[in-house]
Amino acid sequence: MLTLYDLDPDGVKIIVDWDSMVVNASVFIPCINTKKTIAECRRIFKLKEWGIEIRVLVEDTKLGVRIWRTY
């Protein structure tokens, strides 16, 4: 069961501790479906009224999305 703030871009539930995310913090979310991940993160950040910076990256040979909280 997914909560309002969980991600599941590739059908696998990803839980991020959003309440611990401070301004300028970032998190890398490994995934294949980067477009869905970006859409889900934008939805969550809009609910929280936070600013977001998003980049699709390969980190340690894993494709994914890194997001930063900007405000």
PDB file of N, CA and C in Angstrom:
ATOM      1  N   MET A   1       0.845  -1.181   0.000  1.00  0.00           N
ATOM      2  CA  MET A   1       0.000   0.000   0.000  1.00  0.00           C
ATOM      3  C   MET A   1       0.885   1.237   0.000  1.00  0.00           C
ATOM      4  N   LEU A   2       0.661   2.117  -0.949  1.00  0.00           N
ATOM      5  CA  LEU A   2       1.426   3.362  -1.034  1.00  0.00           C
ATOM      6  C   LEU A   2       0.734   4.462  -0.251  1.00  0.00           C
ATOM      7  N   THR A   3       1.551   5.295   0.390  1.00  0.00           N
ATOM      8  CA  THR A   3       1.005   6.478   1.033  1.00  0.00           C
ATOM      9  C   THR A   3       1.116   7.642   0.056  1.00  0.00           C
ATOM     10  N   LEU A   4       0.604   8.774   0.433  1.00  0.00           N
ATOM     11  CA  LEU A   4       0.603   9.956  -0.418  1.00  0.00           C
ATOM     12  C   LEU A   4       2.010  10.401  -0.797  1.00  0.00           C
ATOM     13  N   TYR A   5       3.003  10.112   0.051  1.00  0.00           N
ATOM     14  CA  TYR A   5       4.365  10.595  -0.162  1.00  0.00           C
ATOM     15  C   TYR A   5       5.348   9.509  -0.582  1.00  0.00           C
ATOM     16  N   ASP A   6       4.870   8.314  -0.927  1.00  0.00           N
ATOM     17  CA  ASP A   6       5.736   7.246  -1.413  1.00  0.00           C
ATOM     18  C   ASP A   6       5.876   7.346  -2.932  1.00  0.00           C
ATOM     19  N   LEU A   7       6.973   6.794  -3.431  1.00  0.00           N
ATOM     20  CA  LEU A   7       7.234   6.742  -4.872  1.00  0.00           C
ATOM     21  C   LEU A   7       7.143   5.287  -5.333  1.00  0.00           C
ATOM     22  N   ASP A   8       6.770   5.084  -6.595  1.00  0.00           N
ATOM     23  CA  ASP A   8       6.815   3.738  -7.189  1.00  0.00           C
ATOM     24  C   ASP A   8       6.999   3.841  -8.702  1.00  0.00           C
ATOM     25  N   PRO A   9       8.082   4.469  -9.139  1.00  0.00           N
ATOM     26  CA  PRO A   9       8.246   4.722 -10.572  1.00  0.00           C
ATOM     27  C   PRO A   9       8.389   3.456 -11.418  1.00  0.00           C
ATOM     28  N   ASP A  10       8.969   2.419 -10.871  1.00  0.00           N
ATOM     29  CA  ASP A  10       9.180   1.184 -11.633  1.00  0.00           C
ATOM     30  C   ASP A  10       8.383   0.018 -11.049  1.00  0.00           C
ATOM     31  N   GLY A  11       7.348   0.334 -10.262  1.00  0.00           N
ATOM     32  CA  GLY A  11       6.540  -0.711  -9.648  1.00  0.00           C
ATOM     33  C   GLY A  11       7.104  -1.202  -8.328  1.00  0.00           C
ATOM     34  N   VAL A  12       8.171  -0.571  -7.854  1.00  0.00           N
ATOM     35  CA  VAL A  12       8.781  -0.919  -6.572  1.00  0.00           C
ATOM     36  C   VAL A  12       8.606   0.270  -5.639  1.00  0.00           C
ATOM     37  N   LYS A  13       8.053   0.024  -4.467  1.00  0.00           N
ATOM     38  CA  LYS A  13       7.787   1.101  -3.508  1.00  0.00           C
ATOM     39  C   LYS A  13       9.103   1.676  -2.985  1.00  0.00           C
ATOM     40  N   ILE A  14       9.220   3.008  -3.047  1.00  0.00           N
ATOM     41  CA  ILE A  14      10.389   3.719  -2.515  1.00  0.00           C
ATOM     42  C   ILE A  14       9.883   4.694  -1.458  1.00  0.00           C
ATOM     43  N   ILE A  15      10.422   4.568  -0.255  1.00  0.00           N
ATOM     44  CA  ILE A  15      10.042   5.450   0.844  1.00  0.00           C
ATOM     45  C   ILE A  15      11.184   6.425   1.097  1.00  0.00           C
ATOM     46  N   VAL A  16      10.885   7.704   1.066  1.00  0.00           N
ATOM     47  CA  VAL A  16      11.865   8.750   1.355  1.00  0.00           C
ATOM     48  C   VAL A  16      11.405   9.447   2.635  1.00  0.00           C
ATOM     49  N   ASP A  17      12.331   9.702   3.531  1.00  0.00           N
ATOM     50  CA  ASP A  17      12.013  10.416   4.770  1.00  0.00           C
ATOM     51  C   ASP A  17      11.966  11.912   4.461  1.00  0.00           C
ATOM     52  N   TRP A  18      10.867  12.340   3.862  1.00  0.00           N
ATOM     53  CA  TRP A  18      10.735  13.735   3.418  1.00  0.00           C
ATOM     54  C   TRP A  18      10.837  14.710   4.576  1.00  0.00           C
ATOM     55  N   ASP A  19      10.362  14.343   5.750  1.00  0.00           N
ATOM     56  CA  ASP A  19      10.382  15.249   6.900  1.00  0.00           C
ATOM     57  C   ASP A  19      11.796  15.594   7.356  1.00  0.00           C
ATOM     58  N   SER A  20      12.776  14.763   7.014  1.00  0.00           N
ATOM     59  CA  SER A  20      14.161  15.041   7.373  1.00  0.00           C
ATOM     60  C   SER A  20      14.888  15.849   6.308  1.00  0.00           C
ATOM     61  N   MET A  21      14.232  16.109   5.193  1.00  0.00           N
ATOM     62  CA  MET A  21      14.875  16.814   4.084  1.00  0.00           C
ATOM     63  C   MET A  21      14.853  18.317   4.339  1.00  0.00           C
ATOM     64  N   VAL A  22      16.042  18.875   4.549  1.00  0.00           N
ATOM     65  CA  VAL A  22      16.181  20.305   4.800  1.00  0.00           C
ATOM     66  C   VAL A  22      16.520  21.023   3.494  1.00  0.00           C
ATOM     67  N   VAL A  23      16.437  22.345   3.508  1.00  0.00           N
ATOM     68  CA  VAL A  23      16.779  23.132   2.317  1.00  0.00           C
ATOM     69  C   VAL A  23      18.221  22.822   1.905  1.00  0.00           C
ATOM     70  N   ASN A  24      18.439  22.643   0.607  1.00  0.00           N
ATOM     71  CA  ASN A  24      19.713  22.302  -0.037  1.00  0.00           C
ATOM     72  C   ASN A  24      20.102  20.838   0.113  1.00  0.00           C
ATOM     73  N   ALA A  25      19.274  20.020   0.749  1.00  0.00           N
ATOM     74  CA  ALA A  25      19.529  18.583   0.820  1.00  0.00           C
ATOM     75  C   ALA A  25      19.107  17.942  -0.501  1.00  0.00           C
ATOM     76  N   SER A  26      19.715  16.795  -0.810  1.00  0.00           N
ATOM     77  CA  SER A  26      19.340  16.086  -2.025  1.00  0.00           C
ATOM     78  C   SER A  26      19.205  14.604  -1.739  1.00  0.00           C
ATOM     79  N   VAL A  27      18.517  13.923  -2.638  1.00  0.00           N
ATOM     80  CA  VAL A  27      18.366  12.474  -2.549  1.00  0.00           C
ATOM     81  C   VAL A  27      18.435  11.916  -3.968  1.00  0.00           C
ATOM     82  N   PHE A  28      19.110  10.767  -4.110  1.00  0.00           N
ATOM     83  CA  PHE A  28      19.189  10.080  -5.392  1.00  0.00           C
ATOM     84  C   PHE A  28      18.204   8.933  -5.381  1.00  0.00           C
ATOM     85  N   ILE A  29      17.366   8.869  -6.393  1.00  0.00           N
ATOM     86  CA  ILE A  29      16.363   7.817  -6.510  1.00  0.00           C
ATOM     87  C   ILE A  29      16.706   6.981  -7.742  1.00  0.00           C
ATOM     88  N   PRO A  30      17.267   5.785  -7.536  1.00  0.00           N
ATOM     89  CA  PRO A  30      17.586   4.931  -8.680  1.00  0.00           C
ATOM     90  C   PRO A  30      16.299   4.436  -9.332  1.00  0.00           C
ATOM     91  N   CYS A  31      16.244   4.541 -10.659  1.00  0.00           N
ATOM     92  CA  CYS A  31      15.029   4.130 -11.373  1.00  0.00           C
ATOM     93  C   CYS A  31      15.307   4.020 -12.862  1.00  0.00           C
ATOM     94  N   ILE A  32      14.419   3.354 -13.563  1.00  0.00           N
ATOM     95  CA  ILE A  32      14.463   3.269 -15.023  1.00  0.00           C
ATOM     96  C   ILE A  32      13.516   4.310 -15.619  1.00  0.00           C
ATOM     97  N   ASN A  33      12.328   4.410 -15.069  1.00  0.00           N
ATOM     98  CA  ASN A  33      11.307   5.329 -15.570  1.00  0.00           C
ATOM     99  C   ASN A  33      11.521   6.717 -14.942  1.00  0.00           C
ATOM    100  N   THR A  34      12.473   7.454 -15.491  1.00  0.00           N
ATOM    101  CA  THR A  34      12.827   8.756 -14.920  1.00  0.00           C
ATOM    102  C   THR A  34      11.707   9.783 -15.075  1.00  0.00           C
ATOM    103  N   LYS A  35      10.946   9.699 -16.152  1.00  0.00           N
ATOM    104  CA  LYS A  35       9.845  10.655 -16.352  1.00  0.00           C
ATOM    105  C   LYS A  35       8.783  10.503 -15.259  1.00  0.00           C
ATOM    106  N   LYS A  36       8.436   9.267 -14.928  1.00  0.00           N
ATOM    107  CA  LYS A  36       7.441   9.037 -13.873  1.00  0.00           C
ATOM    108  C   LYS A  36       7.986   9.467 -12.516  1.00  0.00           C
ATOM    109  N   THR A  37       9.273   9.208 -12.277  1.00  0.00           N
ATOM    110  CA  THR A  37       9.892   9.623 -11.017  1.00  0.00           C
ATOM    111  C   THR A  37       9.843  11.136 -10.875  1.00  0.00           C
ATOM    112  N   ILE A  38      10.177  11.848 -11.937  1.00  0.00           N
ATOM    113  CA  ILE A  38      10.149  13.311 -11.915  1.00  0.00           C
ATOM    114  C   ILE A  38       8.731  13.807 -11.636  1.00  0.00           C
ATOM    115  N   ALA A  39       7.744  13.219 -12.301  1.00  0.00           N
ATOM    116  CA  ALA A  39       6.352  13.628 -12.093  1.00  0.00           C
ATOM    117  C   ALA A  39       5.918  13.377 -10.646  1.00  0.00           C
ATOM    118  N   GLU A  40       6.282  12.224 -10.088  1.00  0.00           N
ATOM    119  CA  GLU A  40       5.912  11.911  -8.707  1.00  0.00           C
ATOM    120  C   GLU A  40       6.596  12.868  -7.726  1.00  0.00           C
ATOM    121  N   CYS A  41       7.859  13.182  -7.953  1.00  0.00           N
ATOM    122  CA  CYS A  41       8.580  14.100  -7.070  1.00  0.00           C
ATOM    123  C   CYS A  41       7.994  15.513  -7.159  1.00  0.00           C
ATOM    124  N   ARG A  42       7.664  15.956  -8.363  1.00  0.00           N
ATOM    125  CA  ARG A  42       7.044  17.280  -8.516  1.00  0.00           C
ATOM    126  C   ARG A  42       5.714  17.342  -7.758  1.00  0.00           C
ATOM    127  N   ARG A  43       4.936  16.272  -7.819  1.00  0.00           N
ATOM    128  CA  ARG A  43       3.653  16.215  -7.099  1.00  0.00           C
ATOM    129  C   ARG A  43       3.872  16.329  -5.594  1.00  0.00           C
ATOM    130  N   ILE A  44       4.832  15.581  -5.072  1.00  0.00           N
ATOM    131  CA  ILE A  44       5.118  15.600  -3.636  1.00  0.00           C
ATOM    132  C   ILE A  44       5.625  16.971  -3.207  1.00  0.00           C
ATOM    133  N   PHE A  45       6.535  17.547  -3.975  1.00  0.00           N
ATOM    134  CA  PHE A  45       7.084  18.849  -3.619  1.00  0.00           C
ATOM    135  C   PHE A  45       6.021  19.941  -3.699  1.00  0.00           C
ATOM    136  N   LYS A  46       5.094  19.806  -4.612  1.00  0.00           N
ATOM    137  CA  LYS A  46       3.998  20.776  -4.696  1.00  0.00           C
ATOM    138  C   LYS A  46       3.109  20.677  -3.457  1.00  0.00           C
ATOM    139  N   LEU A  47       2.821  19.449  -3.012  1.00  0.00           N
ATOM    140  CA  LEU A  47       2.025  19.256  -1.793  1.00  0.00           C
ATOM    141  C   LEU A  47       2.710  19.876  -0.579  1.00  0.00           C
ATOM    142  N   LYS A  48       4.029  19.751  -0.523  1.00  0.00           N
ATOM    143  CA  LYS A  48       4.788  20.269   0.609  1.00  0.00           C
ATOM    144  C   LYS A  48       5.128  21.755   0.450  1.00  0.00           C
ATOM    145  N   GLU A  49       4.835  22.313  -0.720  1.00  0.00           N
ATOM    146  CA  GLU A  49       5.144  23.718  -1.034  1.00  0.00           C
ATOM    147  C   GLU A  49       6.636  23.997  -0.928  1.00  0.00           C
ATOM    148  N   TRP A  50       7.437  23.088  -1.489  1.00  0.00           N
ATOM    149  CA  TRP A  50       8.889  23.210  -1.517  1.00  0.00           C
ATOM    150  C   TRP A  50       9.333  23.482  -2.944  1.00  0.00           C
ATOM    151  N   GLY A  51      10.488  24.136  -3.065  1.00  0.00           N
ATOM    152  CA  GLY A  51      11.120  24.293  -4.373  1.00  0.00           C
ATOM    153  C   GLY A  51      11.915  23.043  -4.688  1.00  0.00           C
ATOM    154  N   ILE A  52      12.076  22.749  -5.978  1.00  0.00           N
ATOM    155  CA  ILE A  52      12.749  21.517  -6.383  1.00  0.00           C
ATOM    156  C   ILE A  52      13.687  21.779  -7.560  1.00  0.00           C
ATOM    157  N   GLU A  53      14.819  21.123  -7.534  1.00  0.00           N
ATOM    158  CA  GLU A  53      15.765  21.064  -8.652  1.00  0.00           C
ATOM    159  C   GLU A  53      15.921  19.593  -8.981  1.00  0.00           C
ATOM    160  N   ILE A  54      15.855  19.249 -10.262  1.00  0.00           N
ATOM    161  CA  ILE A  54      15.857  17.840 -10.669  1.00  0.00           C
ATOM    162  C   ILE A  54      16.895  17.622 -11.755  1.00  0.00           C
ATOM    163  N   ARG A  55      17.640  16.527 -11.637  1.00  0.00           N
ATOM    164  CA  ARG A  55      18.581  16.126 -12.688  1.00  0.00           C
ATOM    165  C   ARG A  55      18.533  14.611 -12.855  1.00  0.00           C
ATOM    166  N   VAL A  56      18.500  14.169 -14.098  1.00  0.00           N
ATOM    167  CA  VAL A  56      18.609  12.741 -14.405  1.00  0.00           C
ATOM    168  C   VAL A  56      20.102  12.442 -14.529  1.00  0.00           C
ATOM    169  N   LEU A  57      20.574  11.475 -13.744  1.00  0.00           N
ATOM    170  CA  LEU A  57      22.004  11.187 -13.657  1.00  0.00           C
ATOM    171  C   LEU A  57      22.276   9.690 -13.645  1.00  0.00           C
ATOM    172  N   VAL A  58      23.534   9.354 -13.883  1.00  0.00           N
ATOM    173  CA  VAL A  58      24.023   8.005 -13.639  1.00  0.00           C
ATOM    174  C   VAL A  58      25.024   8.131 -12.494  1.00  0.00           C
ATOM    175  N   GLU A  59      24.735   7.481 -11.378  1.00  0.00           N
ATOM    176  CA  GLU A  59      25.614   7.494 -10.214  1.00  0.00           C
ATOM    177  C   GLU A  59      25.971   6.060  -9.852  1.00  0.00           C
ATOM    178  N   ASP A  60      27.262   5.784  -9.753  1.00  0.00           N
ATOM    179  CA  ASP A  60      27.739   4.423  -9.463  1.00  0.00           C
ATOM    180  C   ASP A  60      27.124   3.408 -10.419  1.00  0.00           C
ATOM    181  N   THR A  61      27.096   3.739 -11.681  1.00  0.00           N
ATOM    182  CA  THR A  61      26.552   2.921 -12.783  1.00  0.00           C
ATOM    183  C   THR A  61      25.050   2.696 -12.701  1.00  0.00           C
ATOM    184  N   LYS A  62      24.340   3.460 -11.880  1.00  0.00           N
ATOM    185  CA  LYS A  62      22.881   3.320 -11.755  1.00  0.00           C
ATOM    186  C   LYS A  62      22.186   4.568 -12.300  1.00  0.00           C
ATOM    187  N   LEU A  63      21.238   4.355 -13.196  1.00  0.00           N
ATOM    188  CA  LEU A  63      20.423   5.441 -13.725  1.00  0.00           C
ATOM    189  C   LEU A  63      19.423   5.861 -12.668  1.00  0.00           C
ATOM    190  N   GLY A  64      19.182   7.157 -12.571  1.00  0.00           N
ATOM    191  CA  GLY A  64      18.196   7.614 -11.607  1.00  0.00           C
ATOM    192  C   GLY A  64      17.997   9.108 -11.666  1.00  0.00           C
ATOM    193  N   VAL A  65      17.315   9.620 -10.666  1.00  0.00           N
ATOM    194  CA  VAL A  65      16.976  11.045 -10.570  1.00  0.00           C
ATOM    195  C   VAL A  65      17.505  11.559  -9.244  1.00  0.00           C
ATOM    196  N   ARG A  66      18.242  12.669  -9.286  1.00  0.00           N
ATOM    197  CA  ARG A  66      18.657  13.346  -8.054  1.00  0.00           C
ATOM    198  C   ARG A  66      17.796  14.593  -7.935  1.00  0.00           C
ATOM    199  N   ILE A  67      17.221  14.760  -6.745  1.00  0.00           N
ATOM    200  CA  ILE A  67      16.377  15.929  -6.492  1.00  0.00           C
ATOM    201  C   ILE A  67      16.946  16.716  -5.309  1.00  0.00           C
ATOM    202  N   TRP A  68      16.853  18.021  -5.404  1.00  0.00           N
ATOM    203  CA  TRP A  68      17.276  18.916  -4.336  1.00  0.00           C
ATOM    204  C   TRP A  68      16.084  19.720  -3.861  1.00  0.00           C
ATOM    205  N   ARG A  69      16.020  19.945  -2.567  1.00  0.00           N
ATOM    206  CA  ARG A  69      15.026  20.867  -2.014  1.00  0.00           C
ATOM    207  C   ARG A  69      15.660  22.249  -2.025  1.00  0.00           C
ATOM    208  N   THR A  70      15.041  23.199  -2.731  1.00  0.00           N
ATOM    209  CA  THR A  70      15.638  24.521  -2.887  1.00  0.00           C
ATOM    210  C   THR A  70      15.060  25.552  -1.927  1.00  0.00           C
ATOM    211  N   TYR A  71      13.876  25.324  -1.401  1.00  0.00           N
ATOM    212  CA  TYR A  71      13.305  26.187  -0.356  1.00  0.00           C
ATOM    213  C   TYR A  71      12.194  25.464   0.345  1.00  0.00           C
TER     214      TYR A  71
END
